[in-house]
Amino acid sequence: MQRYQYAVDGALAVLYLVFAYVTYGIFAFQWPDVVFAMLVVYAVAIALRRVSPGLALGVAWIASVLQMSFGLYPGIFNVATLLVLYTTAAYGGRFVRYLGLASVGVGSAVAAAWLALEGAGIGVSTTLLGALQLPQVILQFALLFGMLVVVLGSAWLIGLLMRAMMRNRESKLAREAAEQDVIVEQERNRIARDMHDVVAHSLAVVIAQADGARYARAHDPEAVDEALIAISTTARDALGDVRLLLAQLRHSQGDGPQPVLADLDRLLDQLRASGLTIDFEQRGAPRALGTAQELSIYRIIQEAITNALRHGDRAAPVALRFEWLDDRVDLTITNGIDVPTTTEELHIGHGLAGMTERAALVGGSLRAQPDGKRFVVTATLPTAAAA
């Protein structure tokens, strides 16, 4: 419970005691102390109803027995019983909840029997002839029992309905929180993939250019200037992309870098400047692709050729093939490797896992595996219409 709930229940108990005594207690000329004690017990039950519904139910039973023992007929003060029954269903555990339901039946029967006998006993002979009044007593009991079951049972059922509404609201809030966590996690994973693609690609290009410039310095000084220009351009572009990604992580808003197929020529030129030979071939008529498909293709090509630059045989050309079909595009990137590797020896790092995930996110598939002295990456992605 929250602090304000304790205060609300305490204030409700005090208001009940004042209101009940003003409306009923001042007319109780007989047993005034008993009436006040009974109202205090009912007020305690109200104060405890959410702190301990089971204890509040027990206290309410004590107050009811006290009421019947001194012949005090039901009045406005019995609203405390309704509040306690409501609370057992709304806030009680399984046992207390069903104990409240049992109290509806038992309490209705006891109260109906007491009221029927009290009413039938007025003006009736205490001799055996009084048995003639038995049918009337039974009729009074049946009517009173039905009425009390409806009144007390309604309070319990309203509490049960409120319990279901509270649980539904809690479930909705928990579901929304879980969905929000999933969205945030997916976005962070996407940003992590973009960060890996940007940083890994850019550093691979910078390293390759720096190594080439170091080896060509003695023989071709002009190549050093070209390498330094390529390093500067690559690093500057990477820095801009990283800043956008970090801003997106920090503020959870705005879009990170979203390259498309129109940027593919620039990417290939950048990689060719690093010393790679890239053969690009397209078959079929290019079809319209969604932004997600274009981004996935761009990142897959970037990662695959960057891996060829970092781990493959730089002397061997990299073959990039597009095959446009009616409902999909097949993408194949093939590069040479220095040491033949089997599929079992292949280490699945962040790059291959990222490529596979990017293809799956747009409804496609990807396979990356060695083939003798070559490494082949094959991706199949649906077109915008098929997706």
Protein backbone atom coordinates (compact mmCIF):
# COMPACT_ATOMS: atom_id res chain seq x y z
CA MET A 1 0.00 0.00 0.00
CA GLN A 2 0.96 3.59 -0.58
CA ARG A 3 1.08 6.11 2.25
CA TYR A 4 -1.96 7.96 1.01
CA GLN A 5 -3.97 4.72 1.14
CA TYR A 6 -3.29 4.36 4.87
CA ALA A 7 -4.41 7.95 5.36
CA VAL A 8 -7.55 7.44 3.26
CA ASP A 9 -8.61 4.33 5.20
CA GLY A 10 -7.90 5.98 8.55
CA ALA A 11 -9.87 9.08 7.60
CA LEU A 12 -12.71 6.91 6.26
CA ALA A 13 -12.87 5.02 9.57
CA VAL A 14 -13.08 8.28 11.57
CA LEU A 15 -15.76 9.73 9.28
CA TYR A 16 -17.73 6.50 9.53
CA LEU A 17 -17.60 6.55 13.34
CA VAL A 18 -18.76 10.16 13.53
CA PHE A 19 -21.49 9.78 10.91
CA ALA A 20 -22.81 6.47 12.29
CA TYR A 21 -22.94 7.71 15.89
CA VAL A 22 -24.63 10.96 14.91
CA THR A 23 -27.27 9.20 12.78
CA TYR A 24 -27.85 6.17 15.00
CA GLY A 25 -26.06 6.32 18.34
CA ILE A 26 -27.92 9.34 19.73
CA PHE A 27 -31.21 7.45 19.30
CA ALA A 28 -29.91 4.40 21.13
CA PHE A 29 -31.22 5.22 24.57
CA GLN A 30 -30.66 1.64 25.64
CA TRP A 31 -27.08 0.37 25.82
CA PRO A 32 -25.40 3.61 24.61
CA ASP A 33 -21.96 2.35 25.62
CA VAL A 34 -22.54 -0.92 23.76
CA VAL A 35 -23.64 0.98 20.66
CA PHE A 36 -20.55 3.14 20.75
CA ALA A 37 -18.30 0.10 21.30
CA MET A 38 -19.94 -1.68 18.36
CA LEU A 39 -19.41 1.33 16.10
CA VAL A 40 -15.76 1.55 17.18
CA VAL A 41 -15.24 -2.11 16.28
CA TYR A 42 -16.81 -1.54 12.86
CA ALA A 43 -14.57 1.53 12.38
CA VAL A 44 -11.50 -0.59 13.22
CA ALA A 45 -12.60 -3.09 10.57
CA ILE A 46 -12.81 -0.27 8.02
CA ALA A 47 -9.34 1.00 8.97
CA LEU A 48 -7.84 -2.50 8.60
CA ARG A 49 -9.69 -3.53 5.46
CA ARG A 50 -6.78 -3.03 3.03
CA VAL A 51 -3.95 -3.50 5.51
CA SER A 52 -5.23 -6.99 6.39
CA PRO A 53 -8.51 -7.99 4.71
CA GLY A 54 -8.66 -11.25 6.67
CA LEU A 55 -8.26 -9.50 10.01
CA ALA A 56 -10.82 -6.86 9.01
CA LEU A 57 -13.30 -9.66 8.18
CA GLY A 58 -12.77 -11.19 11.62
CA VAL A 59 -13.26 -7.84 13.35
CA ALA A 60 -16.46 -7.26 11.34
CA TRP A 61 -17.76 -10.65 12.49
CA ILE A 62 -17.06 -9.65 16.11
CA ALA A 63 -18.99 -6.42 15.62
CA SER A 64 -21.92 -8.30 14.03
CA VAL A 65 -22.08 -10.80 16.88
CA LEU A 66 -21.98 -7.93 19.36
CA GLN A 67 -24.80 -6.24 17.46
CA MET A 68 -27.04 -9.34 17.54
CA SER A 69 -26.19 -10.13 21.16
CA PHE A 70 -27.65 -6.83 22.33
CA GLY A 71 -30.59 -6.91 19.95
CA LEU A 72 -29.49 -3.99 17.79
CA TYR A 73 -31.35 -4.06 14.49
CA PRO A 74 -29.50 -3.31 11.23
CA GLY A 75 -28.95 0.33 10.37
CA ILE A 76 -26.86 2.67 8.27
CA PHE A 77 -23.79 1.65 10.27
CA ASN A 78 -23.88 -1.83 8.65
CA VAL A 79 -22.36 -0.27 5.53
CA ALA A 80 -19.06 -1.19 7.23
CA THR A 81 -19.89 -4.87 6.59
CA LEU A 82 -20.36 -4.13 2.90
CA LEU A 83 -17.01 -2.31 2.72
CA VAL A 84 -15.20 -5.23 4.39
CA LEU A 85 -16.80 -7.81 2.07
CA TYR A 86 -15.89 -5.65 -0.92
CA THR A 87 -12.28 -5.49 0.27
CA THR A 88 -11.95 -9.26 0.79
CA ALA A 89 -12.79 -9.79 -2.88
CA ALA A 90 -10.83 -6.82 -4.23
CA TYR A 91 -7.63 -7.03 -2.16
CA GLY A 92 -7.64 -10.35 -0.28
CA GLY A 93 -5.69 -13.45 -1.20
CA ARG A 94 -7.31 -16.60 -2.52
CA PHE A 95 -8.19 -17.94 0.95
CA VAL A 96 -9.48 -14.60 2.26
CA ARG A 97 -11.44 -14.02 -0.93
CA TYR A 98 -13.34 -17.29 -0.59
CA LEU A 99 -13.66 -16.74 3.15
CA GLY A 100 -15.47 -13.51 2.30
CA LEU A 101 -17.77 -15.43 -0.07
CA ALA A 102 -18.50 -17.95 2.68
CA SER A 103 -19.21 -15.08 5.05
CA VAL A 104 -21.86 -13.82 2.60
CA GLY A 105 -23.74 -17.11 2.85
CA VAL A 106 -23.20 -17.80 6.54
CA GLY A 107 -23.75 -14.18 7.56
CA SER A 108 -26.96 -13.95 5.54
CA ALA A 109 -28.27 -17.16 7.10
CA VAL A 110 -27.38 -16.12 10.66
CA ALA A 111 -28.75 -12.59 10.26
CA ALA A 112 -31.95 -13.83 8.55
CA ALA A 113 -32.55 -16.44 11.27
CA TRP A 114 -31.97 -13.87 14.01
CA LEU A 115 -34.28 -11.29 12.44
CA ALA A 116 -37.00 -13.86 11.72
CA LEU A 117 -36.94 -15.22 15.25
CA GLU A 118 -36.86 -11.75 16.74
CA GLY A 119 -39.87 -10.73 14.67
CA ALA A 120 -41.82 -13.96 15.27
CA GLY A 121 -41.16 -13.88 18.99
CA ILE A 122 -43.07 -10.64 19.51
CA GLY A 123 -46.50 -11.43 21.00
CA VAL A 124 -46.16 -15.21 20.53
CA SER A 125 -46.87 -17.60 23.41
CA THR A 126 -43.90 -19.43 24.82
CA THR A 127 -45.99 -22.58 25.17
CA LEU A 128 -46.01 -25.38 22.62
CA LEU A 129 -48.83 -23.56 20.82
CA GLY A 130 -46.18 -21.16 19.61
CA ALA A 131 -45.13 -23.83 17.12
CA LEU A 132 -48.09 -22.78 15.02
CA GLN A 133 -46.05 -19.74 14.01
CA LEU A 134 -43.36 -21.93 12.37
CA PRO A 135 -44.48 -21.48 8.73
CA GLN A 136 -44.47 -17.71 9.18
CA VAL A 137 -40.96 -17.85 10.62
CA ILE A 138 -39.76 -19.93 7.68
CA LEU A 139 -41.28 -17.49 5.20
CA GLN A 140 -39.69 -14.55 6.97
CA PHE A 141 -36.33 -16.36 7.02
CA ALA A 142 -36.48 -17.16 3.29
CA LEU A 143 -37.31 -13.58 2.31
CA LEU A 144 -34.69 -12.08 4.61
CA PHE A 145 -32.04 -14.59 3.55
CA GLY A 146 -32.59 -13.86 -0.14
CA MET A 147 -32.48 -10.11 0.43
CA LEU A 148 -29.30 -10.31 2.52
CA VAL A 149 -27.57 -12.59 0.02
CA VAL A 150 -28.29 -10.08 -2.75
CA VAL A 151 -27.06 -7.10 -0.69
CA LEU A 152 -23.97 -8.73 0.82
CA GLY A 153 -23.20 -10.73 -2.31
CA SER A 154 -23.37 -7.60 -4.47
CA ALA A 155 -20.66 -5.97 -2.35
CA TRP A 156 -18.47 -9.05 -2.72
CA LEU A 157 -19.10 -9.28 -6.48
CA ILE A 158 -18.31 -5.60 -6.98
CA GLY A 159 -15.02 -6.18 -5.19
CA LEU A 160 -14.30 -9.15 -7.44
CA LEU A 161 -15.07 -7.05 -10.51
CA MET A 162 -12.80 -4.28 -9.24
CA ARG A 163 -10.05 -6.84 -8.68
CA ALA A 164 -10.37 -8.02 -12.28
CA MET A 165 -10.26 -4.41 -13.53
CA MET A 166 -7.15 -3.65 -11.46
CA ARG A 167 -5.40 -6.78 -12.68
CA ASN A 168 -6.34 -5.96 -16.26
CA ARG A 169 -4.91 -2.45 -15.83
CA GLU A 170 -1.73 -3.84 -14.26
CA SER A 171 -1.40 -6.37 -17.08
CA LYS A 172 -1.89 -3.63 -19.65
CA LEU A 173 0.75 -1.45 -18.01
CA ALA A 174 3.14 -4.39 -17.75
CA ARG A 175 2.53 -5.29 -21.39
CA GLU A 176 3.11 -1.70 -22.50
CA ALA A 177 6.29 -1.54 -20.43
CA ALA A 178 7.50 -4.83 -21.93
CA GLU A 179 6.70 -3.63 -25.44
CA GLN A 180 8.55 -0.40 -24.75
CA ASP A 181 11.56 -2.36 -23.48
CA VAL A 182 11.50 -4.51 -26.62
CA ILE A 183 11.31 -1.43 -28.84
CA VAL A 184 14.20 0.20 -26.99
CA GLU A 185 16.25 -3.00 -27.16
CA GLN A 186 15.56 -3.41 -30.87
CA GLU A 187 16.55 0.19 -31.49
CA ARG A 188 19.74 -0.22 -29.49
CA ASN A 189 20.58 -3.39 -31.42
CA ARG A 190 19.98 -1.55 -34.69
CA ILE A 191 22.22 1.30 -33.57
CA ALA A 192 24.85 -1.20 -32.43
CA ARG A 193 24.77 -2.84 -35.86
CA ASP A 194 25.10 0.53 -37.57
CA MET A 195 27.92 1.49 -35.22
CA HIS A 196 29.74 -1.74 -35.98
CA ASP A 197 29.26 -1.33 -39.72
CA VAL A 198 30.44 2.28 -39.74
CA VAL A 199 33.42 1.85 -37.42
CA ALA A 200 34.63 -1.51 -38.73
CA HIS A 201 34.37 -0.44 -42.36
CA SER A 202 36.01 2.93 -41.81
CA LEU A 203 38.88 1.58 -39.72
CA ALA A 204 39.53 -1.19 -42.23
CA VAL A 205 39.78 1.37 -45.03
CA VAL A 206 42.01 3.64 -42.94
CA ILE A 207 44.34 0.76 -41.98
CA ALA A 208 44.58 -0.45 -45.57
CA GLN A 209 45.35 3.05 -46.85
CA ALA A 210 47.92 3.67 -44.13
CA ASP A 211 49.69 0.36 -44.83
CA GLY A 212 49.67 1.05 -48.56
CA ALA A 213 51.05 4.55 -48.08
CA ARG A 214 53.84 3.24 -45.84
CA TYR A 215 54.93 0.67 -48.41
CA ALA A 216 54.60 3.03 -51.42
CA ARG A 217 56.38 5.96 -49.81
CA ALA A 218 59.79 5.15 -51.27
CA HIS A 219 58.59 4.32 -54.79
CA ASP A 220 55.53 6.49 -55.42
CA PRO A 221 55.31 9.62 -53.24
CA GLU A 222 52.14 10.74 -55.03
CA ALA A 223 50.37 7.60 -53.81
CA VAL A 224 51.02 8.75 -50.26
CA ASP A 225 49.05 11.95 -50.85
CA GLU A 226 46.16 9.98 -52.37
CA ALA A 227 46.19 7.61 -49.41
CA LEU A 228 46.19 10.46 -46.93
CA ILE A 229 43.28 12.09 -48.73
CA ALA A 230 41.34 8.81 -48.65
CA ILE A 231 42.13 8.38 -44.94
CA SER A 232 40.99 11.91 -44.16
CA THR A 233 37.77 11.54 -46.15
CA THR A 234 36.93 8.15 -44.65
CA ALA A 235 37.67 9.25 -41.10
CA ARG A 236 35.65 12.46 -41.51
CA ASP A 237 32.63 10.56 -42.86
CA ALA A 238 32.91 7.97 -40.09
CA LEU A 239 33.13 10.68 -37.46
CA GLY A 240 29.93 12.29 -38.75
CA ASP A 241 28.10 8.94 -38.75
CA VAL A 242 29.31 8.08 -35.26
CA ARG A 243 28.18 11.47 -33.96
CA LEU A 244 24.71 10.90 -35.35
CA LEU A 245 24.55 7.43 -33.81
CA LEU A 246 25.74 8.67 -30.43
CA ALA A 247 23.22 11.49 -30.52
CA GLN A 248 20.50 8.95 -31.24
CA LEU A 249 21.63 6.83 -28.30
CA ARG A 250 21.75 9.83 -25.99
CA HIS A 251 18.42 11.37 -26.91
CA SER A 252 16.50 8.35 -28.30
CA GLN A 253 15.24 10.50 -31.13
CA GLY A 254 16.09 11.38 -34.69
CA ASP A 255 17.40 9.06 -37.38
CA GLY A 256 20.92 7.73 -37.65
CA PRO A 257 22.74 7.46 -40.98
CA GLN A 258 20.54 5.64 -43.47
CA PRO A 259 22.50 4.93 -46.66
CA VAL A 260 20.64 3.66 -49.70
CA LEU A 261 21.61 1.94 -52.95
CA ALA A 262 22.36 5.32 -54.52
CA ASP A 263 25.33 5.52 -52.13
CA LEU A 264 26.68 2.15 -53.24
CA ASP A 265 28.96 3.54 -55.97
CA ARG A 266 30.62 5.86 -53.47
CA LEU A 267 31.15 2.94 -51.08
CA LEU A 268 32.72 0.79 -53.82
CA ASP A 269 35.00 3.65 -54.94
CA GLN A 270 36.12 4.10 -51.36
CA LEU A 271 36.94 0.41 -51.04
CA ARG A 272 38.68 0.32 -54.43
CA ALA A 273 40.88 3.19 -53.23
CA SER A 274 42.06 0.86 -50.48
CA GLY A 275 43.63 -1.46 -53.04
CA LEU A 276 40.79 -3.90 -53.63
CA THR A 277 39.64 -4.90 -57.08
CA ILE A 278 35.84 -5.06 -57.14
CA ASP A 279 33.93 -6.45 -60.10
CA PHE A 280 30.30 -5.26 -60.04
CA GLU A 281 27.68 -6.91 -62.23
CA GLN A 282 23.88 -6.61 -62.37
CA ARG A 283 21.52 -9.00 -64.11
CA GLY A 284 17.88 -8.22 -64.76
CA ALA A 285 15.98 -4.98 -64.42
CA PRO A 286 16.37 -3.26 -61.03
CA ARG A 287 13.12 -3.08 -59.09
CA ALA A 288 11.82 -0.70 -56.46
CA LEU A 289 12.99 -1.48 -52.93
CA GLY A 290 11.87 -0.15 -49.61
CA THR A 291 14.15 1.87 -47.38
CA ALA A 292 14.69 -1.10 -45.08
CA GLN A 293 15.68 -3.36 -48.00
CA GLU A 294 18.09 -0.79 -49.44
CA LEU A 295 19.69 -0.23 -46.04
CA SER A 296 20.07 -3.98 -45.51
CA ILE A 297 21.66 -4.50 -48.94
CA TYR A 298 24.03 -1.59 -48.39
CA ARG A 299 25.12 -2.84 -44.96
CA ILE A 300 25.51 -6.44 -46.12
CA ILE A 301 27.73 -5.37 -49.02
CA GLN A 302 29.68 -3.02 -46.77
CA GLU A 303 30.30 -5.71 -44.16
CA ALA A 304 31.11 -8.46 -46.66
CA ILE A 305 33.63 -6.40 -48.65
CA THR A 306 35.12 -4.92 -45.46
CA ASN A 307 35.66 -8.49 -44.23
CA ALA A 308 37.36 -9.26 -47.54
CA LEU A 309 39.61 -6.24 -47.00
CA ARG A 310 40.46 -7.25 -43.44
CA HIS A 311 40.66 -11.03 -43.65
CA GLY A 312 40.76 -11.98 -47.31
CA ASP A 313 43.35 -12.05 -50.07
CA ARG A 314 43.65 -8.46 -51.24
CA ALA A 315 45.28 -9.56 -54.45
CA ALA A 316 42.19 -11.54 -55.44
CA PRO A 317 39.27 -9.58 -56.92
CA VAL A 318 35.98 -9.30 -55.10
CA ALA A 319 32.98 -10.24 -57.23
CA LEU A 320 29.70 -8.45 -56.46
CA ARG A 321 26.64 -9.75 -58.29
CA PHE A 322 23.06 -8.49 -58.31
CA GLU A 323 20.36 -10.69 -59.87
CA TRP A 324 16.98 -8.97 -60.05
CA LEU A 325 13.99 -11.30 -60.19
CA ASP A 326 10.24 -10.64 -60.14
CA ASP A 327 9.78 -10.86 -56.39
CA ARG A 328 13.30 -10.75 -54.96
CA VAL A 329 16.88 -9.75 -55.48
CA ASP A 330 19.72 -12.24 -55.08
CA LEU A 331 23.00 -10.80 -53.89
CA THR A 332 26.34 -12.63 -54.07
CA ILE A 333 29.70 -11.39 -52.79
CA THR A 334 32.71 -13.60 -53.45
CA ASN A 335 36.29 -12.94 -52.38
CA GLY A 336 39.51 -14.91 -52.10
CA ILE A 337 40.91 -16.11 -48.77
CA ASP A 338 44.53 -16.68 -47.87
CA VAL A 339 44.01 -19.98 -46.04
CA PRO A 340 41.24 -22.44 -47.00
CA THR A 341 38.72 -22.74 -44.15
CA THR A 342 35.99 -25.26 -43.51
CA THR A 343 32.55 -24.32 -42.31
CA GLU A 344 33.27 -25.93 -38.93
CA GLU A 345 36.34 -23.74 -38.47
CA LEU A 346 34.44 -20.56 -39.36
CA HIS A 347 34.10 -18.14 -36.44
CA ILE A 348 30.75 -16.36 -36.42
CA GLY A 349 31.54 -12.86 -35.21
CA HIS A 350 29.49 -9.71 -34.96
CA GLY A 351 29.81 -9.00 -38.68
CA LEU A 352 28.34 -12.27 -39.97
CA ALA A 353 25.70 -12.30 -37.25
CA GLY A 354 24.77 -8.70 -38.13
CA MET A 355 24.44 -9.51 -41.82
CA THR A 356 22.24 -12.52 -41.08
CA GLU A 357 20.02 -10.47 -38.79
CA ARG A 358 19.70 -7.62 -41.27
CA ALA A 359 18.55 -10.02 -43.97
CA ALA A 360 16.07 -11.70 -41.62
CA LEU A 361 14.58 -8.37 -40.48
CA VAL A 362 13.38 -7.60 -44.02
CA GLY A 363 12.06 -11.11 -44.64
CA GLY A 364 15.11 -12.45 -46.43
CA SER A 365 17.86 -14.93 -45.74
CA LEU A 366 21.66 -14.95 -45.85
CA ARG A 367 24.29 -17.65 -46.03
CA ALA A 368 28.01 -17.08 -45.56
CA GLN A 369 30.44 -19.96 -45.95
CA PRO A 370 33.88 -20.78 -47.33
CA ASP A 371 34.19 -22.60 -50.65
CA GLY A 372 37.76 -23.77 -51.10
CA LYS A 373 39.92 -20.67 -51.53
CA ARG A 374 36.90 -18.45 -51.79
CA PHE A 375 34.46 -17.05 -49.29
CA VAL A 376 30.91 -16.64 -50.57
CA VAL A 377 28.13 -14.53 -49.07
CA THR A 378 24.72 -15.13 -50.62
CA ALA A 379 21.68 -13.09 -49.64
CA THR A 380 18.11 -13.26 -50.87
CA LEU A 381 15.87 -10.31 -50.08
CA PRO A 382 12.28 -9.71 -51.19
CA THR A 383 11.43 -6.61 -53.16
CA ALA A 384 9.22 -3.91 -51.72
CA ALA A 385 6.04 -5.37 -53.26
CA ALA A 386 6.78 -8.89 -52.05
CA ALA A 387 7.79 -7.72 -48.60
